């Protein structure tokens, strides 16, 4: 009878190395699992309690962010030579009073907000070369920020009840094929 030899100290060392390097699937849900294609985009969260789930389909890559504190930062990186055709951000938050997307290589930051009172007006601003300007509908930096209820129906009120905010990153933010984009968000301003 032939047995399988397993070098237990080596297995322990490999497991410990994987845990220390952050390669445990439970902690980094954006890694591909066995049998799945490698991700096109990878998200690195600043706060360990925040989570990013990434789903690729033929038309878009969806980066869904959950942030228990409502305030956070992430860096999304392309894992291939080019960005996907569309990158869609989903923030599973009750509000979104500030979101910023920064392309440091082009020195451009797109800031958006959804007012949490009144008619929930959306506002977009662009910071380029340290100059702030409003973003109009015809701008290549224009970005629609949508709010949805849990079931995917358009939200009528904020704060959301288990819903999400969704936006497609404008192609102009990916101009020059930057390696990474920095993302920041605030659900509600605090006093």
N, C-alpha and C. Protein backbone atom coordinates (compact mmCIF):
# COMPACT_ATOMS: atom_id res chain seq x y z
N UNK A 1 0.85 -1.18 0.00
CA UNK A 1 0.00 0.00 0.00
C UNK A 1 0.89 1.24 0.00
N UNK A 2 0.61 2.14 -0.89
CA UNK A 2 1.41 3.36 -1.02
C UNK A 2 0.68 4.50 -0.33
N UNK A 3 1.38 5.25 0.47
CA UNK A 3 0.79 6.39 1.15
C UNK A 3 1.29 7.69 0.54
N UNK A 4 0.64 8.77 0.87
CA UNK A 4 1.04 10.09 0.41
C UNK A 4 1.84 10.73 1.52
N UNK A 5 3.03 11.18 1.21
CA UNK A 5 3.89 11.83 2.19
C UNK A 5 3.60 13.33 2.19
N UNK A 6 3.26 13.84 3.34
CA UNK A 6 3.02 15.28 3.49
C UNK A 6 4.03 15.80 4.51
N UNK A 7 4.80 16.75 4.10
CA UNK A 7 5.80 17.35 4.98
C UNK A 7 5.09 18.43 5.81
N UNK A 8 4.65 18.06 7.03
CA UNK A 8 3.82 18.92 7.86
C UNK A 8 4.48 20.26 8.16
N UNK A 9 5.75 20.34 8.55
CA UNK A 9 6.33 21.67 8.80
C UNK A 9 6.31 22.57 7.57
N UNK A 10 6.50 22.00 6.39
CA UNK A 10 6.47 22.80 5.17
C UNK A 10 5.06 23.33 4.90
N UNK A 11 4.04 22.50 5.11
CA UNK A 11 2.65 22.92 4.93
C UNK A 11 2.32 24.04 5.91
N UNK A 12 2.75 23.90 7.17
CA UNK A 12 2.50 24.94 8.17
C UNK A 12 3.18 26.25 7.76
N UNK A 13 4.41 26.17 7.28
CA UNK A 13 5.13 27.36 6.83
C UNK A 13 4.42 28.03 5.67
N UNK A 14 3.95 27.26 4.71
CA UNK A 14 3.23 27.81 3.55
C UNK A 14 1.94 28.48 4.00
N UNK A 15 1.19 27.86 4.91
CA UNK A 15 -0.06 28.44 5.40
C UNK A 15 0.21 29.73 6.16
N UNK A 16 1.21 29.73 7.02
CA UNK A 16 1.56 30.93 7.77
C UNK A 16 1.98 32.06 6.83
N UNK A 17 2.77 31.74 5.82
CA UNK A 17 3.19 32.75 4.83
C UNK A 17 1.98 33.32 4.10
N UNK A 18 1.04 32.46 3.70
CA UNK A 18 -0.16 32.93 3.01
C UNK A 18 -0.97 33.86 3.89
N UNK A 19 -1.08 33.54 5.17
CA UNK A 19 -1.86 34.39 6.09
C UNK A 19 -1.17 35.74 6.27
N UNK A 20 0.14 35.71 6.50
CA UNK A 20 0.88 36.95 6.71
C UNK A 20 0.85 37.83 5.46
N UNK A 21 0.94 37.25 4.30
CA UNK A 21 0.94 38.01 3.04
C UNK A 21 -0.46 38.47 2.64
N UNK A 22 -1.50 38.09 3.38
CA UNK A 22 -2.85 38.52 3.05
C UNK A 22 -3.46 37.75 1.90
N UNK A 23 -3.02 36.53 1.70
CA UNK A 23 -3.49 35.75 0.56
C UNK A 23 -4.62 34.81 0.92
N UNK A 24 -5.21 34.97 2.08
CA UNK A 24 -6.31 34.10 2.47
C UNK A 24 -7.58 34.60 1.80
N UNK A 25 -8.27 33.76 1.09
CA UNK A 25 -9.45 34.15 0.32
C UNK A 25 -10.49 34.80 1.22
N UNK A 26 -10.61 34.35 2.47
CA UNK A 26 -11.63 34.91 3.35
C UNK A 26 -11.40 36.39 3.61
N UNK A 27 -10.16 36.82 3.64
CA UNK A 27 -9.85 38.22 3.91
C UNK A 27 -9.81 39.08 2.66
N UNK A 28 -9.57 38.48 1.51
CA UNK A 28 -9.41 39.23 0.28
C UNK A 28 -10.37 38.69 -0.77
N UNK A 29 -11.66 39.00 -0.68
CA UNK A 29 -12.63 38.38 -1.58
C UNK A 29 -12.46 38.75 -3.04
N UNK A 30 -11.59 39.71 -3.37
CA UNK A 30 -11.42 40.08 -4.76
C UNK A 30 -10.47 39.16 -5.51
N UNK A 31 -9.83 38.19 -4.82
CA UNK A 31 -8.99 37.22 -5.53
C UNK A 31 -9.86 36.20 -6.23
N UNK A 32 -9.40 35.72 -7.35
CA UNK A 32 -10.13 34.68 -8.07
C UNK A 32 -10.03 33.38 -7.29
N UNK A 33 -11.10 32.63 -7.27
CA UNK A 33 -11.11 31.31 -6.65
C UNK A 33 -10.69 30.29 -7.70
N UNK A 34 -10.37 29.11 -7.25
CA UNK A 34 -9.95 28.04 -8.17
C UNK A 34 -10.98 27.86 -9.27
N UNK A 35 -10.52 27.80 -10.50
CA UNK A 35 -11.42 27.59 -11.64
C UNK A 35 -12.01 28.86 -12.21
N UNK A 36 -11.85 30.00 -11.54
CA UNK A 36 -12.37 31.27 -12.04
C UNK A 36 -11.25 32.02 -12.75
N UNK A 37 -11.61 32.87 -13.73
CA UNK A 37 -10.57 33.66 -14.38
C UNK A 37 -9.99 34.69 -13.41
N UNK A 38 -8.76 35.08 -13.64
CA UNK A 38 -8.12 36.10 -12.80
C UNK A 38 -8.89 37.41 -12.94
N UNK A 39 -8.95 38.21 -11.87
CA UNK A 39 -9.68 39.48 -11.94
C UNK A 39 -8.99 40.48 -12.85
N UNK A 40 -9.79 41.38 -13.40
CA UNK A 40 -9.27 42.46 -14.24
C UNK A 40 -8.88 43.65 -13.37
N UNK A 41 -9.60 43.80 -12.25
CA UNK A 41 -9.38 44.91 -11.32
C UNK A 41 -9.22 44.32 -9.92
N UNK A 42 -8.34 44.90 -9.14
CA UNK A 42 -8.11 44.48 -7.75
C UNK A 42 -8.34 45.70 -6.86
N UNK A 43 -8.99 45.49 -5.73
CA UNK A 43 -9.25 46.59 -4.78
C UNK A 43 -8.49 46.34 -3.49
N UNK A 44 -7.79 47.36 -3.03
CA UNK A 44 -7.09 47.31 -1.75
C UNK A 44 -7.78 48.32 -0.83
N UNK A 45 -8.35 47.81 0.27
CA UNK A 45 -9.10 48.64 1.19
C UNK A 45 -8.17 49.15 2.30
N UNK A 46 -8.32 50.42 2.68
CA UNK A 46 -7.50 50.98 3.76
C UNK A 46 -7.98 50.46 5.12
N UNK A 47 -9.30 50.44 5.34
CA UNK A 47 -9.87 49.98 6.59
C UNK A 47 -10.13 48.47 6.48
N UNK A 48 -9.64 47.71 7.43
CA UNK A 48 -9.79 46.25 7.38
C UNK A 48 -11.24 45.79 7.46
N UNK A 49 -12.13 46.63 7.99
CA UNK A 49 -13.54 46.24 8.08
C UNK A 49 -14.30 46.49 6.78
N UNK A 50 -13.74 47.32 5.90
CA UNK A 50 -14.36 47.57 4.61
C UNK A 50 -14.10 46.39 3.68
N UNK A 51 -15.03 46.14 2.77
CA UNK A 51 -14.91 45.01 1.84
C UNK A 51 -15.20 45.47 0.42
N UNK A 52 -14.51 44.85 -0.52
CA UNK A 52 -14.78 45.06 -1.94
C UNK A 52 -15.00 43.71 -2.58
N UNK A 53 -16.08 43.61 -3.33
CA UNK A 53 -16.36 42.43 -4.11
C UNK A 53 -16.31 42.84 -5.57
N UNK A 54 -15.60 42.08 -6.37
CA UNK A 54 -15.43 42.45 -7.77
C UNK A 54 -16.04 41.38 -8.65
N UNK A 55 -16.86 41.84 -9.61
CA UNK A 55 -17.51 40.93 -10.55
C UNK A 55 -17.28 41.46 -11.96
N UNK A 56 -16.75 40.59 -12.79
CA UNK A 56 -16.51 40.94 -14.19
C UNK A 56 -17.58 40.31 -15.06
N UNK A 57 -18.05 41.07 -16.03
CA UNK A 57 -18.89 40.49 -17.08
C UNK A 57 -18.34 41.02 -18.41
N UNK A 58 -18.84 40.56 -19.53
CA UNK A 58 -18.23 40.98 -20.80
C UNK A 58 -18.23 42.50 -21.04
N UNK A 59 -19.18 43.23 -20.47
CA UNK A 59 -19.28 44.67 -20.73
C UNK A 59 -18.67 45.54 -19.64
N UNK A 60 -18.68 45.08 -18.40
CA UNK A 60 -18.29 45.94 -17.27
C UNK A 60 -17.61 45.14 -16.18
N UNK A 61 -16.88 45.87 -15.34
CA UNK A 61 -16.38 45.33 -14.09
C UNK A 61 -17.07 46.10 -12.98
N UNK A 62 -17.69 45.39 -12.05
CA UNK A 62 -18.40 45.99 -10.93
C UNK A 62 -17.54 45.87 -9.68
N UNK A 63 -17.30 46.99 -9.02
CA UNK A 63 -16.58 47.01 -7.75
C UNK A 63 -17.60 47.44 -6.70
N UNK A 64 -18.04 46.48 -5.89
CA UNK A 64 -19.05 46.74 -4.85
C UNK A 64 -18.35 46.90 -3.52
N UNK A 65 -18.54 48.06 -2.91
CA UNK A 65 -17.86 48.39 -1.66
C UNK A 65 -18.87 48.45 -0.51
N UNK A 66 -18.52 47.76 0.56
CA UNK A 66 -19.30 47.80 1.80
C UNK A 66 -18.39 48.39 2.86
N UNK A 67 -18.90 49.41 3.57
CA UNK A 67 -18.10 50.13 4.55
C UNK A 67 -18.93 50.36 5.81
N UNK A 68 -18.76 49.52 6.84
CA UNK A 68 -19.58 49.65 8.05
C UNK A 68 -19.51 51.03 8.71
N UNK A 69 -18.34 51.69 8.66
CA UNK A 69 -18.22 53.00 9.30
C UNK A 69 -18.80 54.11 8.43
N UNK A 70 -18.94 53.84 7.11
CA UNK A 70 -19.46 54.86 6.20
C UNK A 70 -18.42 55.81 5.66
N UNK A 71 -17.21 55.72 6.17
CA UNK A 71 -16.11 56.57 5.71
C UNK A 71 -14.94 55.66 5.38
N UNK A 72 -14.37 55.83 4.18
CA UNK A 72 -13.28 54.94 3.84
C UNK A 72 -12.50 55.35 2.61
N UNK A 73 -11.49 54.54 2.34
CA UNK A 73 -10.61 54.74 1.20
C UNK A 73 -10.25 53.40 0.60
N UNK A 74 -10.03 53.40 -0.70
CA UNK A 74 -9.57 52.20 -1.39
C UNK A 74 -8.72 52.62 -2.57
N UNK A 75 -7.90 51.72 -3.01
CA UNK A 75 -7.16 51.89 -4.25
C UNK A 75 -7.60 50.75 -5.15
N UNK A 76 -8.08 51.09 -6.35
CA UNK A 76 -8.39 50.04 -7.30
C UNK A 76 -7.29 50.07 -8.36
N UNK A 77 -6.81 48.87 -8.68
CA UNK A 77 -5.71 48.72 -9.63
C UNK A 77 -6.13 47.82 -10.77
N UNK A 78 -5.63 48.11 -11.94
CA UNK A 78 -5.87 47.19 -13.05
C UNK A 78 -4.89 46.03 -12.90
N UNK A 79 -5.38 44.82 -13.10
CA UNK A 79 -4.54 43.63 -12.97
C UNK A 79 -4.11 43.13 -14.35
N UNK A 80 -4.49 43.86 -15.38
CA UNK A 80 -4.13 43.51 -16.75
C UNK A 80 -3.47 44.73 -17.39
N UNK A 81 -3.14 44.63 -18.67
CA UNK A 81 -2.48 45.75 -19.35
C UNK A 81 -3.37 46.97 -19.51
N UNK A 82 -4.69 46.75 -19.56
CA UNK A 82 -5.64 47.85 -19.78
C UNK A 82 -6.82 47.73 -18.83
N UNK A 83 -7.47 48.86 -18.61
CA UNK A 83 -8.69 48.86 -17.82
C UNK A 83 -9.82 48.22 -18.63
N UNK A 84 -10.81 47.63 -17.95
CA UNK A 84 -11.97 47.13 -18.69
C UNK A 84 -12.71 48.27 -19.38
N UNK A 85 -13.60 47.93 -20.28
CA UNK A 85 -14.35 48.94 -21.04
C UNK A 85 -15.10 49.88 -20.09
N UNK A 86 -15.72 49.33 -19.06
CA UNK A 86 -16.43 50.14 -18.06
C UNK A 86 -16.11 49.63 -16.66
N UNK A 87 -15.88 50.56 -15.74
CA UNK A 87 -15.72 50.21 -14.33
C UNK A 87 -16.88 50.88 -13.60
N UNK A 88 -17.67 50.07 -12.92
CA UNK A 88 -18.85 50.55 -12.20
C UNK A 88 -18.59 50.40 -10.71
N UNK A 89 -18.74 51.51 -9.98
CA UNK A 89 -18.61 51.49 -8.52
C UNK A 89 -19.99 51.38 -7.90
N UNK A 90 -20.11 50.52 -6.90
CA UNK A 90 -21.33 50.42 -6.09
C UNK A 90 -20.94 50.58 -4.63
N UNK A 91 -21.55 51.56 -3.99
CA UNK A 91 -21.30 51.80 -2.57
C UNK A 91 -22.54 51.38 -1.79
N UNK A 92 -22.40 50.36 -0.97
CA UNK A 92 -23.50 49.88 -0.13
C UNK A 92 -23.47 50.70 1.17
N UNK A 93 -24.02 51.90 1.07
CA UNK A 93 -24.04 52.87 2.15
C UNK A 93 -25.44 53.44 2.28
N UNK A 94 -25.73 54.08 3.39
CA UNK A 94 -27.05 54.71 3.58
C UNK A 94 -27.10 56.08 2.92
N UNK A 95 -25.94 56.73 2.76
CA UNK A 95 -25.85 58.03 2.11
C UNK A 95 -24.53 58.13 1.35
N UNK A 96 -24.39 59.18 0.56
CA UNK A 96 -23.13 59.39 -0.16
C UNK A 96 -22.93 60.90 -0.33
N UNK A 97 -22.56 61.54 0.76
CA UNK A 97 -22.38 62.98 0.71
C UNK A 97 -21.06 63.39 0.07
N UNK A 98 -20.14 62.43 -0.11
CA UNK A 98 -18.90 62.73 -0.82
C UNK A 98 -18.30 61.44 -1.36
N UNK A 99 -17.92 61.46 -2.63
CA UNK A 99 -17.12 60.40 -3.23
C UNK A 99 -16.08 61.10 -4.10
N UNK A 100 -14.85 60.61 -4.03
CA UNK A 100 -13.82 61.18 -4.90
C UNK A 100 -13.06 60.04 -5.57
N UNK A 101 -12.76 60.27 -6.84
CA UNK A 101 -12.01 59.32 -7.65
C UNK A 101 -10.79 60.09 -8.16
N UNK A 102 -9.61 59.60 -7.83
CA UNK A 102 -8.39 60.34 -8.17
C UNK A 102 -7.48 59.51 -9.07
N UNK A 103 -7.09 60.12 -10.17
CA UNK A 103 -6.07 59.60 -11.07
C UNK A 103 -4.83 60.44 -10.80
N UNK A 104 -3.93 59.95 -9.94
CA UNK A 104 -2.76 60.73 -9.54
C UNK A 104 -1.81 60.95 -10.71
N UNK A 105 -1.75 59.99 -11.64
CA UNK A 105 -0.83 60.12 -12.78
C UNK A 105 -1.21 61.32 -13.65
N UNK A 106 -2.51 61.60 -13.78
CA UNK A 106 -2.97 62.74 -14.58
C UNK A 106 -3.26 63.97 -13.72
N UNK A 107 -3.08 63.84 -12.39
CA UNK A 107 -3.38 64.90 -11.44
C UNK A 107 -4.81 65.42 -11.61
N UNK A 108 -5.77 64.46 -11.64
CA UNK A 108 -7.18 64.78 -11.81
C UNK A 108 -7.98 64.07 -10.72
N UNK A 109 -8.88 64.81 -10.07
CA UNK A 109 -9.79 64.23 -9.08
C UNK A 109 -11.22 64.62 -9.43
N UNK A 110 -12.08 63.62 -9.51
CA UNK A 110 -13.51 63.83 -9.75
C UNK A 110 -14.21 63.64 -8.42
N UNK A 111 -14.97 64.66 -8.00
CA UNK A 111 -15.70 64.58 -6.73
C UNK A 111 -17.19 64.65 -7.00
N UNK A 112 -17.92 63.80 -6.33
CA UNK A 112 -19.37 63.80 -6.47
C UNK A 112 -20.03 63.78 -5.10
N UNK A 113 -21.29 64.20 -5.08
CA UNK A 113 -22.05 64.16 -3.83
C UNK A 113 -23.53 64.03 -4.14
N UNK A 114 -24.23 63.43 -3.19
CA UNK A 114 -25.68 63.32 -3.24
C UNK A 114 -26.18 63.91 -1.92
N UNK A 115 -26.93 65.01 -2.01
CA UNK A 115 -27.44 65.62 -0.77
C UNK A 115 -28.38 64.65 -0.07
N UNK A 116 -28.25 64.57 1.24
CA UNK A 116 -29.08 63.64 2.00
C UNK A 116 -30.39 64.26 2.45
N UNK A 117 -30.66 65.49 2.05
CA UNK A 117 -31.92 66.15 2.42
C UNK A 117 -32.53 66.78 1.16
N UNK A 118 -33.74 67.24 1.29
CA UNK A 118 -34.41 67.92 0.17
C UNK A 118 -34.62 66.99 -1.02
N UNK A 119 -34.26 67.48 -2.20
CA UNK A 119 -34.50 66.70 -3.42
C UNK A 119 -33.32 65.79 -3.79
N UNK A 120 -32.35 65.63 -2.90
CA UNK A 120 -31.20 64.74 -3.10
C UNK A 120 -30.40 65.11 -4.35
N UNK A 121 -30.20 66.41 -4.53
CA UNK A 121 -29.47 66.93 -5.68
C UNK A 121 -28.07 66.32 -5.74
N UNK A 122 -27.63 66.04 -6.96
CA UNK A 122 -26.29 65.53 -7.22
C UNK A 122 -25.40 66.67 -7.68
N UNK A 123 -24.13 66.59 -7.30
CA UNK A 123 -23.18 67.62 -7.69
C UNK A 123 -21.86 66.94 -8.08
N UNK A 124 -21.26 67.42 -9.16
CA UNK A 124 -19.96 66.91 -9.60
C UNK A 124 -18.98 68.06 -9.74
N UNK A 125 -17.76 67.84 -9.27
CA UNK A 125 -16.69 68.83 -9.39
C UNK A 125 -15.42 68.12 -9.86
N UNK A 126 -14.60 68.87 -10.56
CA UNK A 126 -13.34 68.35 -11.06
C UNK A 126 -12.21 69.21 -10.52
N UNK A 127 -11.19 68.57 -9.98
CA UNK A 127 -9.99 69.28 -9.55
C UNK A 127 -8.87 68.83 -10.49
N UNK A 128 -8.38 69.78 -11.29
CA UNK A 128 -7.29 69.49 -12.23
C UNK A 128 -6.29 70.63 -12.12
N UNK A 129 -5.02 70.28 -11.96
CA UNK A 129 -3.97 71.30 -11.80
C UNK A 129 -4.33 72.29 -10.69
N UNK A 130 -4.89 71.76 -9.61
CA UNK A 130 -5.26 72.53 -8.40
C UNK A 130 -6.37 73.54 -8.66
N UNK A 131 -7.09 73.39 -9.77
CA UNK A 131 -8.21 74.28 -10.09
C UNK A 131 -9.52 73.50 -9.98
N UNK A 132 -10.47 74.05 -9.24
CA UNK A 132 -11.77 73.41 -9.04
C UNK A 132 -12.78 73.95 -10.04
N UNK A 133 -13.53 73.06 -10.69
CA UNK A 133 -14.58 73.49 -11.61
C UNK A 133 -15.76 72.52 -11.52
N UNK A 134 -16.95 73.04 -11.82
CA UNK A 134 -18.14 72.19 -11.86
C UNK A 134 -18.12 71.35 -13.13
N UNK A 135 -18.70 70.17 -13.06
CA UNK A 135 -18.76 69.27 -14.20
C UNK A 135 -20.19 69.28 -14.74
N UNK A 136 -20.34 69.68 -16.00
CA UNK A 136 -21.66 69.71 -16.64
C UNK A 136 -21.93 68.41 -17.39
N UNK A 137 -23.15 68.29 -17.91
CA UNK A 137 -23.56 67.06 -18.58
C UNK A 137 -22.75 66.77 -19.84
N UNK A 138 -22.28 67.76 -20.54
CA UNK A 138 -21.53 67.54 -21.78
C UNK A 138 -20.06 67.25 -21.56
N UNK A 139 -19.60 67.32 -20.33
CA UNK A 139 -18.19 67.13 -20.03
C UNK A 139 -17.79 65.66 -20.16
N UNK A 140 -16.56 65.37 -20.60
CA UNK A 140 -16.10 63.98 -20.63
C UNK A 140 -15.97 63.39 -19.22
N UNK A 141 -16.03 64.24 -18.19
CA UNK A 141 -15.96 63.79 -16.80
C UNK A 141 -17.34 63.65 -16.17
N UNK A 142 -18.39 63.86 -16.94
CA UNK A 142 -19.75 63.74 -16.41
C UNK A 142 -19.98 62.31 -15.92
N UNK A 143 -20.63 62.18 -14.76
CA UNK A 143 -20.86 60.87 -14.15
C UNK A 143 -22.22 60.87 -13.47
N UNK A 144 -23.06 59.97 -13.85
CA UNK A 144 -24.38 59.85 -13.24
C UNK A 144 -24.26 59.03 -11.96
N UNK A 145 -24.73 59.60 -10.85
CA UNK A 145 -24.76 58.89 -9.58
C UNK A 145 -26.20 58.48 -9.32
N UNK A 146 -26.43 57.17 -9.28
CA UNK A 146 -27.78 56.64 -9.08
C UNK A 146 -27.89 56.01 -7.69
N UNK A 147 -29.10 56.07 -7.13
CA UNK A 147 -29.37 55.44 -5.84
C UNK A 147 -30.44 54.38 -6.04
N UNK A 148 -30.19 53.20 -5.49
CA UNK A 148 -31.11 52.08 -5.64
C UNK A 148 -31.47 51.48 -4.29
N UNK A 149 -32.70 50.96 -4.22
CA UNK A 149 -33.11 50.19 -3.05
C UNK A 149 -32.51 48.81 -3.15
N UNK A 150 -32.65 48.05 -2.09
CA UNK A 150 -32.10 46.70 -2.02
C UNK A 150 -32.52 45.85 -3.22
N UNK A 151 -33.74 45.97 -3.69
CA UNK A 151 -34.25 45.15 -4.78
C UNK A 151 -33.79 45.64 -6.15
N UNK A 152 -33.04 46.73 -6.21
CA UNK A 152 -32.56 47.26 -7.47
C UNK A 152 -33.48 48.30 -8.09
N UNK A 153 -34.55 48.67 -7.39
CA UNK A 153 -35.45 49.73 -7.87
C UNK A 153 -34.87 51.08 -7.49
N UNK A 154 -35.10 52.12 -8.30
CA UNK A 154 -34.59 53.45 -7.94
C UNK A 154 -35.09 53.88 -6.56
N UNK A 155 -34.19 54.43 -5.76
CA UNK A 155 -34.52 54.87 -4.41
C UNK A 155 -35.22 56.22 -4.46
N UNK A 156 -36.20 56.40 -3.62
CA UNK A 156 -36.95 57.65 -3.55
C UNK A 156 -36.52 58.52 -2.38
N UNK A 157 -35.82 57.91 -1.40
CA UNK A 157 -35.43 58.67 -0.21
C UNK A 157 -34.04 58.25 0.26
N UNK A 158 -33.42 59.15 0.96
CA UNK A 158 -32.14 58.91 1.60
C UNK A 158 -32.32 59.31 3.05
N UNK A 159 -31.87 58.54 4.01
CA UNK A 159 -30.94 57.43 3.92
C UNK A 159 -31.56 56.18 3.28
N UNK A 160 -30.70 55.45 2.57
CA UNK A 160 -31.14 54.20 1.94
C UNK A 160 -31.29 53.12 2.99
N UNK A 161 -32.21 52.22 2.75
CA UNK A 161 -32.40 51.07 3.62
C UNK A 161 -31.85 49.84 2.89
N UNK A 162 -30.60 49.53 3.15
CA UNK A 162 -29.92 48.39 2.52
C UNK A 162 -29.82 48.52 1.00
N UNK A 163 -29.72 49.73 0.50
CA UNK A 163 -29.57 49.95 -0.92
C UNK A 163 -28.12 50.25 -1.28
N UNK A 164 -27.93 50.88 -2.43
CA UNK A 164 -26.58 51.22 -2.87
C UNK A 164 -26.61 52.39 -3.84
N UNK A 165 -25.46 53.05 -3.93
CA UNK A 165 -25.23 54.12 -4.90
C UNK A 165 -24.34 53.54 -5.99
N UNK A 166 -24.65 53.88 -7.23
CA UNK A 166 -23.90 53.32 -8.35
C UNK A 166 -23.47 54.41 -9.32
N UNK A 167 -22.26 54.27 -9.84
CA UNK A 167 -21.75 55.21 -10.84
C UNK A 167 -20.75 54.51 -11.74
N UNK A 168 -20.73 54.91 -13.00
CA UNK A 168 -19.73 54.41 -13.95
C UNK A 168 -18.60 55.42 -13.98
N UNK A 169 -17.38 54.95 -13.77
CA UNK A 169 -16.23 55.85 -13.82
C UNK A 169 -16.09 56.35 -15.26
N UNK A 170 -16.08 57.67 -15.48
CA UNK A 170 -15.94 58.18 -16.84
C UNK A 170 -14.62 57.73 -17.49
N UNK A 171 -14.69 57.45 -18.78
CA UNK A 171 -13.49 57.03 -19.52
C UNK A 171 -12.38 58.07 -19.41
N UNK A 172 -12.72 59.34 -19.26
CA UNK A 172 -11.72 60.39 -19.14
C UNK A 172 -10.84 60.20 -17.89
N UNK A 173 -11.40 59.57 -16.85
CA UNK A 173 -10.62 59.30 -15.63
C UNK A 173 -9.59 58.20 -15.86
N UNK A 174 -9.80 57.40 -16.89
CA UNK A 174 -8.88 56.29 -17.19
C UNK A 174 -7.92 56.64 -18.33
N UNK A 175 -8.01 57.88 -18.79
CA UNK A 175 -7.15 58.33 -19.89
C UNK A 175 -5.68 58.21 -19.48
N UNK A 176 -4.88 57.71 -20.38
CA UNK A 176 -3.47 57.49 -20.08
C UNK A 176 -3.23 56.14 -19.43
N UNK A 177 -4.30 55.35 -19.25
CA UNK A 177 -4.22 54.00 -18.70
C UNK A 177 -3.46 53.95 -17.37
N UNK A 178 -3.91 54.74 -16.35
CA UNK A 178 -3.18 54.75 -15.08
C UNK A 178 -3.19 53.36 -14.45
N UNK A 179 -2.18 53.08 -13.67
CA UNK A 179 -2.10 51.79 -13.00
C UNK A 179 -3.17 51.67 -11.91
N UNK A 180 -3.49 52.80 -11.27
CA UNK A 180 -4.43 52.76 -10.14
C UNK A 180 -5.26 54.02 -10.05
N UNK A 181 -6.39 53.90 -9.37
CA UNK A 181 -7.24 55.03 -9.01
C UNK A 181 -7.46 54.97 -7.50
N UNK A 182 -7.44 56.12 -6.85
CA UNK A 182 -7.75 56.21 -5.42
C UNK A 182 -9.20 56.62 -5.27
N UNK A 183 -9.92 55.93 -4.39
CA UNK A 183 -11.33 56.20 -4.15
C UNK A 183 -11.51 56.54 -2.67
N UNK A 184 -12.28 57.58 -2.39
CA UNK A 184 -12.63 57.95 -1.01
C UNK A 184 -14.13 58.19 -0.95
N UNK A 185 -14.72 57.93 0.21
CA UNK A 185 -16.16 58.14 0.35
C UNK A 185 -16.51 58.52 1.79
N UNK A 186 -17.62 59.25 1.89
CA UNK A 186 -18.24 59.62 3.17
C UNK A 186 -19.73 59.45 2.99
N UNK A 187 -20.35 58.68 3.89
CA UNK A 187 -21.81 58.51 3.77
C UNK A 187 -22.53 59.77 4.22
N UNK A 188 -22.25 60.25 5.43
CA UNK A 188 -22.87 61.46 5.97
C UNK A 188 -21.80 62.26 6.69
N UNK A 189 -21.85 63.59 6.52
CA UNK A 189 -20.93 64.44 7.27
C UNK A 189 -21.34 64.40 8.74
N UNK A 190 -20.35 64.39 9.61
CA UNK A 190 -20.60 64.35 11.05
C UNK A 190 -20.17 65.66 11.67
N UNK A 191 -20.86 66.05 12.72
CA UNK A 191 -20.53 67.32 13.41
C UNK A 191 -19.37 67.12 14.35
